[in-house]
Amino acid sequence: KKKTAGDTIVEILIGSVLVYAAMFVGSLITTALGGEQDSANQEAIVAIMKAPIGVLMIPTLCIIGPVTEELVFRGAIQGGLQRLKMPKLLCVFVAGTLFGLIHVIDAGDFVQLPSYLLAGLVFGFIYYKSENIYVPICIHIIMNTISTSMVYIQIIAELLNINI
């Protein structure tokens, strides 16, 4: 059966809920392990966003980053391993694990791995089920745009001395 635009929109909506749920579970695991609420990766991004030219990061955070990450981890790595005839779920696991590691390895913030790992696995599973790279790309754009918006709301509230 050929998928319709409506089918793709449903996949994006369900996928968004699944990725947020995975990240929530990951954050619970991180907290149980004694980790902080925000990862070093997130703190670095927020610091850049608070800089005078931070607003210039919006296209990178909301579009360029998600598109690039999905093309690399789902398209090139997961898709490439599938073309090598590796089992599809193993391809999801490898790409998802690499996705998780790349988000924590630079800062050595390994206690934060559960959120990124689970998100990467869900992104990979969504790609596997949808067979459409645009689905995880759209979900990733939505997630990063919501996160970026929330940070900017917090920044504006701090500037106006409003407690949120």
N, C-alpha and C. Protein backbone atom coordinates (compact mmCIF):
# COMPACT_ATOMS: atom_id res chain seq x y z
N LYS A 1 0.85 -1.18 0.00
CA LYS A 1 0.00 0.00 0.00
C LYS A 1 0.89 1.24 0.00
N LYS A 2 0.59 2.15 -0.89
CA LYS A 2 1.32 3.40 -0.95
C LYS A 2 0.85 4.33 0.17
N LYS A 3 1.81 4.95 0.85
CA LYS A 3 1.47 5.85 1.96
C LYS A 3 1.02 7.20 1.44
N THR A 4 0.06 7.76 2.15
CA THR A 4 -0.44 9.09 1.81
C THR A 4 0.28 10.12 2.68
N ALA A 5 0.06 11.40 2.36
CA ALA A 5 0.61 12.48 3.19
C ALA A 5 0.05 12.38 4.60
N GLY A 6 -1.21 12.00 4.71
CA GLY A 6 -1.83 11.83 6.02
C GLY A 6 -1.15 10.74 6.84
N ASP A 7 -0.76 9.64 6.17
CA ASP A 7 -0.04 8.56 6.86
C ASP A 7 1.29 9.09 7.41
N THR A 8 1.97 9.88 6.61
CA THR A 8 3.26 10.43 7.02
C THR A 8 3.10 11.38 8.19
N ILE A 9 2.06 12.20 8.16
CA ILE A 9 1.81 13.13 9.27
C ILE A 9 1.52 12.36 10.56
N VAL A 10 0.75 11.29 10.46
CA VAL A 10 0.47 10.46 11.63
C VAL A 10 1.77 9.85 12.16
N GLU A 11 2.62 9.36 11.26
CA GLU A 11 3.92 8.80 11.68
C GLU A 11 4.75 9.86 12.41
N ILE A 12 4.74 11.08 11.91
CA ILE A 12 5.50 12.16 12.54
C ILE A 12 4.93 12.48 13.92
N LEU A 13 3.62 12.56 14.05
CA LEU A 13 2.99 12.85 15.34
C LEU A 13 3.25 11.74 16.35
N ILE A 14 3.02 10.50 15.95
CA ILE A 14 3.26 9.37 16.86
C ILE A 14 4.75 9.29 17.19
N GLY A 15 5.59 9.47 16.19
CA GLY A 15 7.03 9.43 16.41
C GLY A 15 7.49 10.50 17.39
N SER A 16 6.92 11.70 17.28
CA SER A 16 7.29 12.78 18.21
C SER A 16 6.96 12.40 19.65
N VAL A 17 5.79 11.82 19.85
CA VAL A 17 5.41 11.38 21.20
C VAL A 17 6.36 10.30 21.69
N LEU A 18 6.71 9.36 20.82
CA LEU A 18 7.61 8.27 21.21
C LEU A 18 9.01 8.78 21.56
N VAL A 19 9.52 9.73 20.80
CA VAL A 19 10.86 10.27 21.09
C VAL A 19 10.82 11.03 22.42
N TYR A 20 9.80 11.85 22.64
CA TYR A 20 9.69 12.56 23.93
C TYR A 20 9.57 11.57 25.08
N ALA A 21 8.80 10.50 24.91
CA ALA A 21 8.67 9.49 25.95
C ALA A 21 10.02 8.82 26.23
N ALA A 22 10.76 8.51 25.17
CA ALA A 22 12.08 7.90 25.33
C ALA A 22 13.02 8.82 26.08
N MET A 23 13.00 10.09 25.74
CA MET A 23 13.87 11.04 26.43
C MET A 23 13.44 11.21 27.89
N PHE A 24 12.16 11.16 28.17
CA PHE A 24 11.68 11.24 29.55
C PHE A 24 12.18 10.05 30.35
N VAL A 25 12.03 8.86 29.79
CA VAL A 25 12.52 7.65 30.47
C VAL A 25 14.04 7.76 30.66
N GLY A 26 14.73 8.22 29.63
CA GLY A 26 16.18 8.41 29.74
C GLY A 26 16.56 9.37 30.84
N SER A 27 15.78 10.45 30.99
CA SER A 27 16.08 11.43 32.04
C SER A 27 15.82 10.83 33.42
N LEU A 28 14.82 9.97 33.55
CA LEU A 28 14.58 9.28 34.82
C LEU A 28 15.75 8.37 35.18
N ILE A 29 16.27 7.67 34.18
CA ILE A 29 17.43 6.80 34.40
C ILE A 29 18.64 7.63 34.80
N THR A 30 18.86 8.73 34.09
CA THR A 30 19.99 9.62 34.40
C THR A 30 19.89 10.15 35.83
N THR A 31 18.71 10.58 36.22
CA THR A 31 18.50 11.09 37.57
C THR A 31 18.76 9.99 38.60
N ALA A 32 18.28 8.79 38.32
CA ALA A 32 18.50 7.66 39.23
C ALA A 32 19.98 7.34 39.38
N LEU A 33 20.75 7.62 38.33
CA LEU A 33 22.20 7.39 38.36
C LEU A 33 22.96 8.56 38.99
N GLY A 34 22.21 9.58 39.42
CA GLY A 34 22.84 10.73 40.06
C GLY A 34 23.24 11.84 39.11
N GLY A 35 22.77 11.76 37.88
CA GLY A 35 23.11 12.78 36.89
C GLY A 35 22.29 14.04 37.06
N GLU A 36 22.77 15.10 36.47
CA GLU A 36 22.09 16.39 36.50
C GLU A 36 20.92 16.39 35.52
N GLN A 37 20.02 17.34 35.69
CA GLN A 37 18.86 17.48 34.82
C GLN A 37 19.29 17.77 33.38
N ASP A 38 20.21 18.74 33.21
CA ASP A 38 20.67 19.12 31.87
C ASP A 38 22.03 18.51 31.57
N SER A 39 22.21 18.10 30.35
CA SER A 39 23.50 17.54 29.93
C SER A 39 24.48 18.66 29.65
N ALA A 40 25.76 18.32 29.61
CA ALA A 40 26.79 19.30 29.26
C ALA A 40 26.54 19.81 27.85
N ASN A 41 26.06 18.94 26.97
CA ASN A 41 25.72 19.33 25.60
C ASN A 41 24.65 20.43 25.62
N GLN A 42 23.59 20.21 26.39
CA GLN A 42 22.50 21.19 26.49
C GLN A 42 22.98 22.49 27.11
N GLU A 43 23.79 22.40 28.16
CA GLU A 43 24.30 23.60 28.83
C GLU A 43 25.16 24.43 27.89
N ALA A 44 25.98 23.77 27.06
CA ALA A 44 26.80 24.49 26.09
C ALA A 44 25.94 25.22 25.07
N ILE A 45 24.90 24.56 24.61
CA ILE A 45 23.99 25.17 23.63
C ILE A 45 23.28 26.38 24.24
N VAL A 46 22.81 26.24 25.48
CA VAL A 46 22.13 27.35 26.15
C VAL A 46 23.09 28.53 26.33
N ALA A 47 24.33 28.25 26.69
CA ALA A 47 25.31 29.33 26.84
C ALA A 47 25.51 30.08 25.53
N ILE A 48 25.57 29.37 24.44
CA ILE A 48 25.71 30.01 23.12
C ILE A 48 24.46 30.83 22.81
N MET A 49 23.28 30.28 23.13
CA MET A 49 22.03 30.97 22.85
C MET A 49 21.90 32.27 23.65
N LYS A 50 22.51 32.31 24.84
CA LYS A 50 22.44 33.50 25.68
C LYS A 50 23.39 34.60 25.22
N ALA A 51 24.34 34.25 24.36
CA ALA A 51 25.29 35.24 23.85
C ALA A 51 24.56 36.23 22.94
N PRO A 52 25.12 37.43 22.78
CA PRO A 52 24.45 38.44 21.94
C PRO A 52 24.12 37.96 20.52
N ILE A 53 24.95 37.11 19.96
CA ILE A 53 24.67 36.62 18.60
C ILE A 53 24.02 35.24 18.62
N GLY A 54 23.55 34.81 19.79
CA GLY A 54 22.95 33.48 19.93
C GLY A 54 21.77 33.22 19.03
N VAL A 55 21.02 34.27 18.73
CA VAL A 55 19.85 34.12 17.87
C VAL A 55 20.25 33.61 16.48
N LEU A 56 21.49 33.83 16.10
CA LEU A 56 21.97 33.34 14.81
C LEU A 56 22.09 31.81 14.78
N MET A 57 22.03 31.20 15.97
CA MET A 57 22.11 29.74 16.07
C MET A 57 20.79 29.05 15.74
N ILE A 58 19.71 29.81 15.69
CA ILE A 58 18.39 29.20 15.49
C ILE A 58 18.33 28.31 14.24
N PRO A 59 18.79 28.77 13.08
CA PRO A 59 18.72 27.87 11.91
C PRO A 59 19.53 26.59 12.11
N THR A 60 20.68 26.70 12.77
CA THR A 60 21.51 25.52 13.00
C THR A 60 20.83 24.57 13.97
N LEU A 61 20.32 25.09 15.06
CA LEU A 61 19.68 24.26 16.08
C LEU A 61 18.39 23.63 15.59
N CYS A 62 17.62 24.38 14.84
CA CYS A 62 16.27 23.94 14.47
C CYS A 62 16.18 23.22 13.13
N ILE A 63 17.13 23.48 12.23
CA ILE A 63 17.01 22.87 10.90
C ILE A 63 18.30 22.14 10.49
N ILE A 64 19.40 22.87 10.43
CA ILE A 64 20.64 22.28 9.91
C ILE A 64 21.10 21.09 10.74
N GLY A 65 21.11 21.26 12.07
CA GLY A 65 21.53 20.17 12.96
C GLY A 65 20.67 18.93 12.82
N PRO A 66 19.35 19.06 12.97
CA PRO A 66 18.50 17.87 12.85
C PRO A 66 18.59 17.19 11.48
N VAL A 67 18.60 17.98 10.41
CA VAL A 67 18.69 17.39 9.08
C VAL A 67 20.02 16.65 8.92
N THR A 68 21.10 17.28 9.33
CA THR A 68 22.42 16.66 9.20
C THR A 68 22.51 15.39 10.03
N GLU A 69 22.07 15.46 11.28
CA GLU A 69 22.15 14.28 12.14
C GLU A 69 21.33 13.12 11.59
N GLU A 70 20.15 13.40 11.10
CA GLU A 70 19.32 12.32 10.57
C GLU A 70 19.90 11.75 9.28
N LEU A 71 20.43 12.61 8.42
CA LEU A 71 21.05 12.10 7.20
C LEU A 71 22.28 11.23 7.51
N VAL A 72 23.03 11.63 8.53
CA VAL A 72 24.22 10.85 8.91
C VAL A 72 23.82 9.56 9.62
N PHE A 73 23.09 9.68 10.73
CA PHE A 73 22.84 8.51 11.56
C PHE A 73 21.79 7.56 10.99
N ARG A 74 20.71 8.10 10.45
CA ARG A 74 19.69 7.23 9.88
C ARG A 74 19.99 6.92 8.41
N GLY A 75 20.25 7.96 7.61
CA GLY A 75 20.46 7.75 6.19
C GLY A 75 21.76 7.01 5.88
N ALA A 76 22.89 7.58 6.30
CA ALA A 76 24.20 7.00 5.94
C ALA A 76 24.52 5.76 6.76
N ILE A 77 24.47 5.88 8.09
CA ILE A 77 24.91 4.75 8.93
C ILE A 77 23.88 3.63 8.94
N GLN A 78 22.67 3.92 9.39
CA GLN A 78 21.65 2.88 9.46
C GLN A 78 21.32 2.34 8.07
N GLY A 79 21.10 3.25 7.13
CA GLY A 79 20.80 2.82 5.76
C GLY A 79 21.96 2.07 5.12
N GLY A 80 23.18 2.56 5.37
CA GLY A 80 24.37 1.90 4.82
C GLY A 80 24.54 0.49 5.35
N LEU A 81 24.33 0.33 6.66
CA LEU A 81 24.42 -1.02 7.25
C LEU A 81 23.33 -1.93 6.70
N GLN A 82 22.13 -1.39 6.48
CA GLN A 82 21.05 -2.18 5.90
C GLN A 82 21.42 -2.63 4.48
N ARG A 83 22.07 -1.74 3.73
CA ARG A 83 22.48 -2.11 2.37
C ARG A 83 23.55 -3.19 2.38
N LEU A 84 24.28 -3.32 3.51
CA LEU A 84 25.26 -4.39 3.68
C LEU A 84 24.59 -5.69 4.14
N LYS A 85 23.26 -5.67 4.21
CA LYS A 85 22.43 -6.82 4.57
C LYS A 85 22.55 -7.21 6.04
N MET A 86 22.91 -6.24 6.90
CA MET A 86 22.87 -6.49 8.34
C MET A 86 21.41 -6.53 8.78
N PRO A 87 21.11 -7.27 9.85
CA PRO A 87 19.73 -7.28 10.34
C PRO A 87 19.28 -5.85 10.67
N LYS A 88 18.05 -5.53 10.27
CA LYS A 88 17.58 -4.15 10.38
C LYS A 88 17.59 -3.63 11.82
N LEU A 89 17.20 -4.45 12.78
CA LEU A 89 17.19 -3.98 14.16
C LEU A 89 18.61 -3.78 14.70
N LEU A 90 19.56 -4.55 14.21
CA LEU A 90 20.97 -4.32 14.58
C LEU A 90 21.44 -2.98 14.00
N CYS A 91 21.00 -2.67 12.80
CA CYS A 91 21.33 -1.38 12.19
C CYS A 91 20.77 -0.23 13.02
N VAL A 92 19.52 -0.39 13.51
CA VAL A 92 18.90 0.62 14.38
C VAL A 92 19.74 0.78 15.64
N PHE A 93 20.17 -0.35 16.22
CA PHE A 93 20.94 -0.31 17.46
C PHE A 93 22.29 0.38 17.27
N VAL A 94 22.99 0.03 16.21
CA VAL A 94 24.31 0.64 15.96
C VAL A 94 24.18 2.14 15.73
N ALA A 95 23.28 2.54 14.84
CA ALA A 95 23.11 3.97 14.55
C ALA A 95 22.62 4.73 15.78
N GLY A 96 21.68 4.15 16.52
CA GLY A 96 21.15 4.79 17.71
C GLY A 96 22.20 4.95 18.80
N THR A 97 23.04 3.93 18.95
CA THR A 97 24.12 4.00 19.94
C THR A 97 25.14 5.07 19.56
N LEU A 98 25.51 5.11 18.30
CA LEU A 98 26.45 6.14 17.85
C LEU A 98 25.86 7.54 18.03
N PHE A 99 24.57 7.69 17.75
CA PHE A 99 23.88 8.96 17.96
C PHE A 99 23.98 9.38 19.43
N GLY A 100 23.69 8.44 20.32
CA GLY A 100 23.76 8.74 21.74
C GLY A 100 25.16 9.12 22.17
N LEU A 101 26.15 8.35 21.73
CA LEU A 101 27.54 8.61 22.13
C LEU A 101 28.05 9.95 21.64
N ILE A 102 27.71 10.33 20.43
CA ILE A 102 28.22 11.58 19.87
C ILE A 102 27.72 12.79 20.67
N HIS A 103 26.59 12.64 21.34
CA HIS A 103 26.03 13.75 22.13
C HIS A 103 26.64 13.87 23.53
N VAL A 104 27.35 12.83 23.99
CA VAL A 104 27.91 12.88 25.34
C VAL A 104 29.42 12.74 25.39
N ILE A 105 30.02 12.21 24.35
CA ILE A 105 31.43 11.84 24.41
C ILE A 105 32.38 13.04 24.53
N ASP A 106 32.06 14.13 23.88
CA ASP A 106 32.95 15.29 23.89
C ASP A 106 33.14 15.83 25.30
N ALA A 107 32.06 15.91 26.06
CA ALA A 107 32.14 16.44 27.43
C ALA A 107 32.38 15.32 28.45
N GLY A 108 32.42 14.07 28.00
CA GLY A 108 32.59 12.96 28.92
C GLY A 108 31.41 12.83 29.88
N ASP A 109 30.25 13.27 29.44
CA ASP A 109 29.04 13.33 30.25
C ASP A 109 28.23 12.04 30.07
N PHE A 110 28.85 10.89 30.34
CA PHE A 110 28.25 9.61 30.01
C PHE A 110 27.00 9.27 30.81
N VAL A 111 26.80 9.92 31.97
CA VAL A 111 25.60 9.66 32.75
C VAL A 111 24.35 10.14 31.99
N GLN A 112 24.55 11.04 31.02
CA GLN A 112 23.44 11.55 30.21
C GLN A 112 23.13 10.64 29.01
N LEU A 113 23.91 9.60 28.83
CA LEU A 113 23.73 8.72 27.67
C LEU A 113 22.32 8.13 27.54
N PRO A 114 21.65 7.73 28.63
CA PRO A 114 20.33 7.11 28.43
C PRO A 114 19.35 7.92 27.59
N SER A 115 19.24 9.22 27.83
CA SER A 115 18.28 10.03 27.05
C SER A 115 18.62 10.04 25.58
N TYR A 116 19.89 10.31 25.27
CA TYR A 116 20.31 10.39 23.87
C TYR A 116 20.27 9.02 23.20
N LEU A 117 20.66 7.99 23.93
CA LEU A 117 20.64 6.63 23.38
C LEU A 117 19.21 6.21 23.06
N LEU A 118 18.31 6.39 24.02
CA LEU A 118 16.92 6.00 23.78
C LEU A 118 16.29 6.81 22.66
N ALA A 119 16.58 8.11 22.62
CA ALA A 119 16.07 8.93 21.52
C ALA A 119 16.62 8.42 20.18
N GLY A 120 17.92 8.13 20.13
CA GLY A 120 18.53 7.63 18.90
C GLY A 120 17.93 6.31 18.46
N LEU A 121 17.64 5.43 19.43
CA LEU A 121 17.02 4.15 19.09
C LEU A 121 15.61 4.35 18.55
N VAL A 122 14.87 5.27 19.15
CA VAL A 122 13.50 5.53 18.68
C VAL A 122 13.53 6.19 17.30
N PHE A 123 14.43 7.17 17.10
CA PHE A 123 14.56 7.75 15.76
C PHE A 123 14.85 6.66 14.73
N GLY A 124 15.76 5.75 15.09
CA GLY A 124 16.11 4.66 14.17
C GLY A 124 14.95 3.73 13.91
N PHE A 125 14.20 3.41 14.96
CA PHE A 125 13.05 2.53 14.79
C PHE A 125 11.99 3.19 13.92
N ILE A 126 11.80 4.50 14.12
CA ILE A 126 10.83 5.24 13.30
C ILE A 126 11.25 5.21 11.83
N TYR A 127 12.53 5.40 11.58
CA TYR A 127 13.04 5.34 10.20
C TYR A 127 12.83 3.93 9.62
N TYR A 128 13.14 2.94 10.42
CA TYR A 128 12.98 1.54 10.01
C TYR A 128 11.52 1.25 9.65
N LYS A 129 10.59 1.69 10.51
CA LYS A 129 9.17 1.40 10.26
C LYS A 129 8.59 2.24 9.12
N SER A 130 8.99 3.51 9.05
CA SER A 130 8.40 4.40 8.04
C SER A 130 9.05 4.23 6.68
N GLU A 131 10.30 3.79 6.66
CA GLU A 131 11.09 3.69 5.42
C GLU A 131 11.14 5.03 4.69
N ASN A 132 11.15 6.11 5.48
CA ASN A 132 11.10 7.45 4.91
C ASN A 132 11.97 8.37 5.78
N ILE A 133 13.11 8.80 5.27
CA ILE A 133 14.04 9.63 6.03
C ILE A 133 13.42 10.95 6.47
N TYR A 134 12.41 11.40 5.74
CA TYR A 134 11.78 12.67 6.10
C TYR A 134 11.00 12.59 7.42
N VAL A 135 10.58 11.41 7.81
CA VAL A 135 9.83 11.27 9.06
C VAL A 135 10.73 11.57 10.26
N PRO A 136 11.89 10.89 10.43
CA PRO A 136 12.74 11.27 11.57
C PRO A 136 13.30 12.68 11.44
N ILE A 137 13.53 13.14 10.23
CA ILE A 137 14.00 14.52 10.05
C ILE A 137 12.96 15.50 10.60
N CYS A 138 11.71 15.33 10.22
CA CYS A 138 10.65 16.23 10.70
C CYS A 138 10.49 16.16 12.21
N ILE A 139 10.55 14.96 12.76
CA ILE A 139 10.43 14.81 14.22
C ILE A 139 11.57 15.53 14.91
N HIS A 140 12.78 15.35 14.41
CA HIS A 140 13.96 15.98 15.01
C HIS A 140 13.87 17.50 14.91
N ILE A 141 13.40 18.00 13.79
CA ILE A 141 13.20 19.46 13.64
C ILE A 141 12.17 19.95 14.66
N ILE A 142 11.07 19.24 14.78
CA ILE A 142 10.02 19.62 15.74
C ILE A 142 10.59 19.65 17.16
N MET A 143 11.29 18.59 17.53
CA MET A 143 11.85 18.51 18.89
C MET A 143 12.83 19.65 19.16
N ASN A 144 13.75 19.87 18.25
CA ASN A 144 14.74 20.92 18.47
C ASN A 144 14.11 22.31 18.46
N THR A 145 13.10 22.50 17.63
CA THR A 145 12.43 23.80 17.59
C THR A 145 11.68 24.06 18.90
N ILE A 146 11.02 23.05 19.43
CA ILE A 146 10.34 23.21 20.72
C ILE A 146 11.36 23.49 21.82
N SER A 147 12.44 22.72 21.85
CA SER A 147 13.48 22.93 22.87
C SER A 147 14.09 24.32 22.77
N THR A 148 14.41 24.74 21.56
CA THR A 148 15.01 26.07 21.35
C THR A 148 14.03 27.16 21.78
N SER A 149 12.77 27.00 21.44
CA SER A 149 11.75 27.98 21.84
C SER A 149 11.64 28.07 23.35
N MET A 150 11.67 26.94 24.01
CA MET A 150 11.57 26.92 25.47
C MET A 150 12.76 27.63 26.12
N VAL A 151 13.94 27.42 25.56
CA VAL A 151 15.13 28.10 26.10
C VAL A 151 14.99 29.60 25.91
N TYR A 152 14.55 30.03 24.74
CA TYR A 152 14.40 31.47 24.51
C TYR A 152 13.29 32.08 25.37
N ILE A 153 12.25 31.34 25.64
CA ILE A 153 11.21 31.83 26.56
C ILE A 153 11.83 32.04 27.94
N GLN A 154 12.65 31.08 28.37
CA GLN A 154 13.32 31.19 29.67
C GLN A 154 14.28 32.39 29.68
N ILE A 155 15.03 32.58 28.62
CA ILE A 155 15.97 33.70 28.54
C ILE A 155 15.22 35.03 28.62
N ILE A 156 14.14 35.15 27.87
CA ILE A 156 13.34 36.39 27.88
C ILE A 156 12.73 36.61 29.26
N ALA A 157 12.24 35.54 29.88
CA ALA A 157 11.67 35.67 31.23
C ALA A 157 12.73 36.16 32.22
N GLU A 158 13.95 35.63 32.12
CA GLU A 158 15.03 36.08 33.00
C GLU A 158 15.34 37.56 32.78
N LEU A 159 15.36 37.96 31.52
CA LEU A 159 15.64 39.37 31.22
C LEU A 159 14.56 40.30 31.77
N LEU A 160 13.33 39.81 31.81
CA LEU A 160 12.21 40.62 32.30
C LEU A 160 11.93 40.37 33.78
N ASN A 161 12.79 39.59 34.42
CA ASN A 161 12.61 39.25 35.85
C ASN A 161 11.27 38.59 36.12
N ILE A 162 10.87 37.70 35.25
CA ILE A 162 9.63 36.94 35.42
C ILE A 162 10.01 35.51 35.80
N ASN A 163 9.44 35.01 36.87
CA ASN A 163 9.70 33.63 37.27
C ASN A 163 8.73 32.70 36.56
N ILE A 164 9.30 31.73 35.90
CA ILE A 164 8.46 30.74 35.20
C ILE A 164 8.53 29.43 35.94
